[in-house]
Protein backbone atom coordinates (compact mmCIF):
# COMPACT_ATOMS: atom_id res chain seq x y z
CA MET A 1 -223.15 -80.73 -286.98
CA ASN A 2 -219.36 -80.74 -286.93
CA LYS A 3 -217.24 -82.01 -283.96
CA ILE A 4 -216.57 -78.42 -282.58
CA SER A 5 -220.23 -77.46 -282.73
CA LEU A 6 -221.16 -80.77 -281.11
CA SER A 7 -218.68 -80.08 -278.28
CA LEU A 8 -220.17 -76.65 -277.66
CA PHE A 9 -223.66 -77.99 -277.84
CA THR A 10 -222.84 -80.61 -275.28
CA ALA A 11 -221.06 -78.23 -272.89
CA SER A 12 -224.01 -75.82 -273.04
CA PHE A 13 -226.91 -78.10 -272.61
CA CYS A 14 -225.52 -80.97 -270.57
CA PHE A 15 -223.20 -79.03 -268.17
CA GLY A 16 -225.22 -75.74 -268.07
CA GLN A 17 -224.10 -72.15 -267.92
CA ASN A 18 -221.17 -71.42 -265.70
CA ASN A 19 -219.84 -68.58 -263.54
CA LYS A 20 -216.19 -68.94 -264.67
CA SER A 21 -214.61 -67.71 -261.47
CA GLU A 22 -216.73 -69.59 -258.83
CA PRO A 23 -217.63 -73.17 -258.42
CA GLN A 24 -221.19 -74.01 -258.86
CA ILE A 25 -223.18 -76.89 -257.36
CA PHE A 26 -223.92 -79.22 -260.20
CA GLY A 27 -227.48 -80.59 -260.98
CA GLU A 28 -228.77 -79.15 -257.72
CA GLY A 29 -231.87 -81.16 -256.59
CA VAL A 30 -231.24 -84.05 -259.03
CA ILE A 31 -227.52 -84.89 -258.85
CA SER A 32 -226.47 -82.77 -255.78
CA THR A 33 -229.23 -83.37 -253.30
CA GLY A 34 -228.20 -82.93 -249.81
CA ASP A 35 -227.01 -86.54 -249.63
CA TYR A 36 -223.43 -87.33 -249.94
CA GLU A 37 -222.51 -87.07 -253.70
CA THR A 38 -219.10 -86.90 -255.29
CA HIS A 39 -216.56 -88.25 -257.82
CA ALA A 40 -218.40 -87.23 -261.18
CA ALA A 41 -217.33 -89.02 -264.26
CA PHE A 42 -218.92 -88.21 -267.62
CA SER A 43 -219.18 -90.24 -270.83
CA PRO A 44 -217.06 -88.82 -273.83
CA SER A 45 -220.32 -87.31 -275.20
CA GLY A 46 -221.03 -85.59 -271.78
CA ASP A 47 -224.68 -86.86 -271.76
CA THR A 48 -224.11 -89.67 -269.35
CA LEU A 49 -222.89 -89.02 -265.77
CA TYR A 50 -221.62 -91.64 -263.40
CA PHE A 51 -221.02 -90.48 -259.84
CA LEU A 52 -221.02 -91.80 -256.27
CA LYS A 53 -223.66 -91.55 -253.64
CA CYS A 54 -222.20 -92.47 -250.15
CA MET A 55 -223.11 -92.86 -246.53
CA PRO A 56 -222.43 -89.78 -244.42
CA ASP A 57 -219.22 -91.24 -243.10
CA GLY A 58 -218.03 -92.27 -246.44
CA ASN A 59 -217.83 -95.96 -245.51
CA LEU A 60 -220.24 -97.17 -248.06
CA CYS A 61 -220.57 -95.87 -251.66
CA SER A 62 -222.42 -97.00 -254.82
CA ILE A 63 -221.88 -95.83 -258.37
CA CYS A 64 -224.99 -94.12 -259.83
CA VAL A 65 -225.81 -93.06 -263.39
CA SER A 66 -227.96 -90.26 -264.72
CA TYR A 67 -228.71 -89.37 -268.40
CA HIS A 68 -229.21 -86.01 -269.95
CA LYS A 69 -232.45 -85.97 -272.00
CA ASN A 70 -234.73 -83.15 -273.02
CA ASN A 71 -232.36 -80.65 -271.42
CA ILE A 72 -232.68 -82.27 -267.96
CA TRP A 73 -230.76 -84.88 -266.08
CA SER A 74 -232.70 -87.92 -265.29
CA LYS A 75 -233.30 -89.26 -261.71
CA PRO A 76 -230.16 -91.18 -260.83
CA GLU A 77 -230.23 -95.01 -260.59
CA ILE A 78 -227.49 -97.32 -259.24
CA VAL A 79 -225.55 -99.00 -262.08
CA SER A 80 -226.15 -102.73 -262.68
CA PHE A 81 -222.79 -103.66 -261.24
CA SER A 82 -222.92 -101.64 -258.01
CA GLY A 83 -225.07 -101.24 -254.97
CA LYS A 84 -223.75 -103.95 -252.58
CA TYR A 85 -220.16 -103.41 -251.84
CA VAL A 86 -218.09 -100.25 -251.51
CA ASP A 87 -217.61 -99.18 -255.14
CA ALA A 88 -215.93 -95.81 -255.86
CA ASP A 89 -213.78 -93.86 -258.26
CA PRO A 90 -215.48 -94.51 -261.66
CA PHE A 91 -213.37 -93.74 -264.75
CA VAL A 92 -214.86 -93.85 -268.22
CA THR A 93 -212.54 -94.70 -271.16
CA LYS A 94 -212.30 -92.43 -274.13
CA ASP A 95 -214.46 -94.76 -276.33
CA GLY A 96 -217.07 -94.96 -273.53
CA ASN A 97 -217.13 -98.67 -273.53
CA THR A 98 -215.13 -99.42 -270.44
CA ILE A 99 -215.58 -98.31 -266.81
CA TYR A 100 -212.74 -98.82 -264.36
CA PHE A 101 -213.48 -98.42 -260.68
CA VAL A 102 -212.35 -99.51 -257.22
CA SER A 103 -214.08 -101.93 -254.95
CA ASN A 104 -213.91 -103.91 -251.75
CA ARG A 105 -215.87 -106.65 -253.30
CA PRO A 106 -214.50 -110.21 -252.87
CA LEU A 107 -212.64 -112.00 -255.68
CA HIS A 108 -214.98 -115.00 -255.24
CA GLU A 109 -218.64 -115.11 -254.97
CA GLY A 110 -219.65 -115.95 -251.25
CA ASP A 111 -216.45 -114.61 -249.66
CA PRO A 112 -216.54 -111.69 -247.28
CA ALA A 113 -215.84 -108.13 -248.57
CA LYS A 114 -212.11 -107.45 -248.79
CA GLU A 115 -210.25 -105.25 -246.30
CA ASP A 116 -208.61 -103.31 -249.07
CA TRP A 117 -209.86 -101.78 -252.27
CA ASP A 118 -208.85 -103.13 -255.81
CA ILE A 119 -209.23 -101.90 -259.29
CA TRP A 120 -212.00 -103.57 -261.46
CA LYS A 121 -213.38 -102.96 -264.86
CA THR A 122 -216.65 -103.65 -266.72
CA GLU A 123 -217.18 -103.48 -270.40
CA ARG A 124 -220.28 -102.55 -272.39
CA ARG A 125 -222.11 -105.26 -274.14
CA SER A 126 -225.25 -105.25 -276.20
CA SER A 127 -227.31 -105.93 -272.97
CA GLY A 128 -225.58 -103.52 -270.81
CA TRP A 129 -222.61 -103.54 -268.61
CA GLY A 130 -220.90 -106.79 -268.21
CA GLU A 131 -219.83 -108.70 -265.01
CA PRO A 132 -216.93 -106.77 -263.37
CA VAL A 133 -213.40 -108.11 -263.93
CA HIS A 134 -210.66 -107.98 -261.37
CA LEU A 135 -207.50 -106.55 -262.64
CA ASP A 136 -204.47 -108.66 -262.03
CA SER A 137 -200.84 -107.66 -261.50
CA PRO A 138 -199.30 -105.22 -262.08
CA PHE A 139 -202.18 -103.11 -260.96
CA ASN A 140 -203.63 -104.55 -257.69
CA SER A 141 -201.49 -105.29 -254.56
CA SER A 142 -201.91 -106.22 -250.94
CA GLY A 143 -202.68 -102.52 -250.21
CA SER A 144 -205.55 -100.52 -251.37
CA GLU A 145 -205.81 -99.02 -254.95
CA PHE A 146 -207.51 -95.86 -255.78
CA PHE A 147 -208.84 -93.67 -258.64
CA PRO A 148 -207.66 -95.23 -261.93
CA THR A 149 -207.35 -92.81 -264.86
CA ILE A 150 -205.68 -93.48 -268.30
CA ALA A 151 -203.97 -91.12 -270.64
CA ASP A 152 -204.57 -91.45 -274.40
CA ASN A 153 -201.42 -93.38 -275.01
CA GLY A 154 -202.65 -96.04 -272.58
CA ASN A 155 -200.50 -95.13 -269.56
CA PHE A 156 -202.49 -96.09 -266.47
CA TYR A 157 -202.34 -93.70 -263.40
CA PHE A 158 -203.67 -94.69 -259.87
CA GLY A 159 -203.17 -94.19 -256.15
CA SER A 160 -202.00 -97.04 -254.00
CA SER A 161 -201.08 -97.86 -250.43
CA ARG A 162 -198.76 -100.75 -251.51
CA LYS A 163 -195.50 -101.29 -249.65
CA GLY A 164 -192.42 -99.24 -250.75
CA GLY A 165 -194.04 -95.97 -251.16
CA LYS A 166 -193.02 -92.69 -249.70
CA GLY A 167 -196.15 -92.22 -247.51
CA ARG A 168 -199.22 -94.31 -246.68
CA ALA A 169 -200.54 -93.84 -250.12
CA ASP A 170 -198.62 -92.67 -253.25
CA ILE A 171 -199.48 -92.07 -256.98
CA TYR A 172 -198.21 -94.54 -259.55
CA VAL A 173 -198.10 -95.03 -263.22
CA SER A 174 -198.09 -98.21 -265.15
CA ARG A 175 -196.74 -97.59 -268.63
CA PHE A 176 -198.28 -99.15 -271.65
CA ILE A 177 -195.35 -100.46 -273.73
CA ASN A 178 -195.50 -102.87 -276.61
CA ASN A 179 -199.28 -103.55 -275.91
CA GLN A 180 -198.69 -104.53 -272.45
CA TYR A 181 -198.54 -102.81 -268.93
CA ALA A 182 -195.22 -102.56 -267.33
CA MET A 183 -194.61 -102.66 -263.38
CA PRO A 184 -195.99 -99.57 -261.73
CA GLU A 185 -193.70 -96.59 -261.11
CA ASN A 186 -193.75 -94.43 -258.21
CA LEU A 187 -194.03 -90.77 -259.47
CA GLY A 188 -191.41 -89.69 -257.22
CA ASP A 189 -190.70 -86.73 -254.85
CA SER A 190 -192.22 -84.00 -257.27
CA ILE A 191 -195.58 -85.74 -256.65
CA ASN A 192 -195.41 -88.04 -253.52
CA THR A 193 -194.62 -87.13 -250.01
CA VAL A 194 -194.57 -88.67 -246.49
CA ASP A 195 -198.38 -87.78 -246.39
CA ASN A 196 -201.05 -89.20 -248.57
CA GLU A 197 -201.49 -88.70 -252.31
CA TYR A 198 -204.58 -90.61 -253.58
CA GLU A 199 -206.55 -89.42 -256.73
CA PRO A 200 -204.61 -88.72 -259.85
CA PHE A 201 -206.52 -87.16 -262.82
CA ILE A 202 -204.10 -87.43 -265.84
CA ALA A 203 -204.63 -85.08 -268.80
CA PRO A 204 -205.25 -87.11 -271.95
CA ASP A 205 -201.93 -86.01 -273.40
CA GLU A 206 -200.12 -86.34 -270.03
CA SER A 207 -199.34 -82.56 -270.00
CA TYR A 208 -200.50 -82.15 -266.46
CA LEU A 209 -201.61 -84.21 -263.36
CA ILE A 210 -204.29 -83.06 -260.88
CA PHE A 211 -204.50 -84.98 -257.57
CA MET A 212 -205.71 -84.95 -254.17
CA ALA A 213 -203.52 -85.15 -251.15
CA THR A 214 -204.01 -84.91 -247.53
CA ILE A 215 -201.25 -82.51 -246.30
CA PRO A 216 -201.12 -82.54 -243.36
CA ASN A 217 -202.26 -86.23 -242.98
CA GLY A 218 -206.05 -86.60 -242.73
CA ILE A 219 -208.85 -86.84 -245.17
CA ALA A 220 -210.48 -83.81 -243.62
CA ASN A 221 -207.49 -81.91 -245.09
CA ALA A 222 -207.77 -83.18 -248.53
CA ASP A 223 -207.00 -80.57 -251.35
CA PHE A 224 -206.03 -80.59 -254.92
CA TYR A 225 -202.55 -80.25 -256.25
CA ILE A 226 -201.28 -79.85 -259.90
CA SER A 227 -198.08 -80.74 -261.49
CA HIS A 228 -196.96 -80.26 -265.09
CA HIS A 229 -195.03 -82.62 -267.35
CA LEU A 230 -192.13 -80.77 -268.81
CA ASN A 231 -188.95 -81.94 -270.51
CA GLY A 232 -189.70 -85.52 -269.37
CA ARG A 233 -190.15 -84.63 -265.71
CA TRP A 234 -192.99 -83.84 -263.28
CA THR A 235 -192.70 -80.22 -261.93
CA LYS A 236 -193.03 -79.79 -258.14
CA ALA A 237 -196.68 -80.16 -257.31
CA LYS A 238 -198.42 -76.88 -256.28
CA LYS A 239 -201.71 -76.60 -254.24
CA LEU A 240 -204.45 -75.20 -256.26
CA PRO A 241 -205.73 -71.91 -254.61
CA ALA A 242 -209.14 -70.86 -253.63
CA PRO A 243 -211.93 -71.00 -254.65
CA VAL A 244 -211.44 -74.66 -255.76
CA ASN A 245 -209.57 -75.68 -252.40
CA THR A 246 -211.28 -74.57 -249.19
CA ALA A 247 -211.08 -75.41 -245.55
CA ALA A 248 -213.43 -78.36 -246.31
CA THR A 249 -212.59 -81.69 -247.96
CA GLU A 250 -212.15 -81.56 -251.77
CA TRP A 251 -211.65 -84.79 -253.88
CA GLY A 252 -212.68 -86.73 -256.81
CA GLY A 253 -211.55 -84.10 -259.52
CA LYS A 254 -211.85 -84.71 -263.16
CA VAL A 255 -211.54 -82.35 -266.31
CA THR A 256 -214.20 -83.07 -268.92
CA ARG A 257 -212.94 -84.75 -272.19
CA ASP A 258 -213.25 -81.40 -274.14
CA GLY A 259 -210.95 -79.66 -271.44
CA LYS A 260 -213.76 -77.21 -270.59
CA TYR A 261 -214.79 -77.86 -267.10
CA PHE A 262 -213.31 -79.21 -263.92
CA PHE A 263 -215.73 -81.23 -261.83
CA PHE A 264 -214.98 -82.21 -258.18
CA GLY A 265 -216.51 -83.14 -254.94
CA SER A 266 -216.46 -80.97 -251.83
CA SER A 267 -217.97 -80.91 -248.41
CA ARG A 268 -218.09 -77.13 -248.28
CA ASN A 269 -221.04 -75.50 -246.57
CA LYS A 270 -222.93 -72.63 -248.17
CA ILE A 271 -224.64 -71.81 -244.77
CA THR A 272 -222.09 -70.45 -242.18
CA ASP A 273 -223.01 -68.61 -239.10
CA ALA A 274 -226.69 -67.91 -239.54
CA LEU A 275 -229.82 -68.10 -241.80
CA PRO A 276 -231.25 -65.11 -243.56
CA GLN A 277 -234.34 -65.37 -241.44
CA ARG A 278 -235.88 -67.49 -238.85
CA GLU A 279 -237.24 -70.87 -240.09
CA ASN A 280 -239.84 -73.15 -238.81
CA MET A 281 -239.28 -76.95 -238.43
CA GLU A 282 -240.56 -77.71 -242.02
CA GLN A 283 -238.33 -74.95 -243.46
CA PHE A 284 -235.27 -75.94 -241.34
CA GLU A 285 -235.49 -79.62 -242.26
CA LYS A 286 -235.55 -78.68 -245.94
CA THR A 287 -232.51 -76.53 -245.37
CA LEU A 288 -230.88 -79.37 -243.69
CA ASN A 289 -231.48 -81.81 -246.58
CA THR A 290 -230.42 -79.48 -249.54
CA ALA A 291 -227.38 -79.37 -251.60
CA GLY A 292 -224.59 -77.15 -250.01
CA ASN A 293 -225.24 -78.51 -246.48
CA GLY A 294 -221.66 -79.50 -246.06
CA LEU A 295 -222.17 -83.21 -246.42
CA GLY A 296 -220.77 -83.50 -249.96
CA ASP A 297 -221.87 -82.28 -253.40
CA ILE A 298 -220.61 -82.20 -256.93
CA TYR A 299 -219.14 -78.89 -258.07
CA LYS A 300 -218.15 -77.52 -261.57
CA ILE A 301 -215.91 -74.70 -262.58
CA ASP A 302 -214.57 -73.39 -265.98
CA PHE A 303 -211.25 -75.12 -266.28
CA SER A 304 -209.70 -71.91 -267.66
CA ALA A 305 -210.43 -70.22 -264.31
CA LEU A 306 -208.04 -72.44 -262.29
CA ASP A 307 -205.08 -70.24 -261.44
CA PHE A 308 -202.00 -72.37 -261.94
C-alpha cells in the first residue's frame, strides 16, 4: 500500500465518514462521552489519539489515550505520565516519538504544584513513555505557557502569559536556528491584542496559524482565528465563521497531519429549548450524561469546509 493509499485508509477508518459542512461529535460514547473532553492530538499514523478529560470547571485535566483497532477506538486510559497534576495541551511530534504538553507539576518531587503552567516533554522508549522533562529557557518563564506546536522546520510556537506581552497572554515563536532555539519572539499586532491569545496550531509548512483567542476578554468567549504567512509576514488574523465558532467556548484546535480534518473542543449544546418528547428520570439522566450536553466534547470537520 503506497503512502497516498495509506493516508486515505487511515482517514476513512480512524476518523470516520464526515459531513463536510458541519462539525460532528467525534467518537461519541467512547471518546466524547458526556464528560468534559477536549484537545485531541493524533499520532502521525492517525491510529492513536491523545486527548484531555477534565473536571467540569476545567481546573483539573489528565491526558488520555485511545487506540484504533478493528475499526473501533479502544476505551481510553490515562497515559503513564499523567493523572496527578493539571496536564494539558498534548502535541505529538511528526515522528510520533515525543509528546510535548503543559503542566502545573512541580520541578522537584515532593514540592507542591506550581501556580503557573510550564512546557514539558516525554520521549518514547522501548518500555513506553519516559519520565517527563521540564523545558528550560527560552521556553518557560515566570508566567504560564500553553499549547506547544512545532513546524516541520523546528520552529516552536506556543502561548505565554510572560511579562512584556501585548495582553495577559500572547503567542510566541522560538526559531530553530543552527540546531538551537532562539529567544521567543512575540508574533506581533497581526496576531496578538490587548485581550488573550492562547493556543497556536502552526501548519507544518508555516503557511497558516490557527489559534484561540478570548475577544472580548474571557474564556467563555474563546473562538478560533486564522492568519496566513505571506511574503514573510503574518496577515491580520480573522475570526473563523460558524459553524466552527459558536456562542459557546471553542478551543484546542488541530489539523490532522494529512491536512484533511480539523479537530477541536467545544462546549456547544445540541439540546436547546426542549426535548423531542417527555422523558422519565432514567431517560433524562441518560440525556444529561451523553455527548453534546454542553460540558465539552471533541468535534471534527473537513478542513476544506473551513471558510477562510
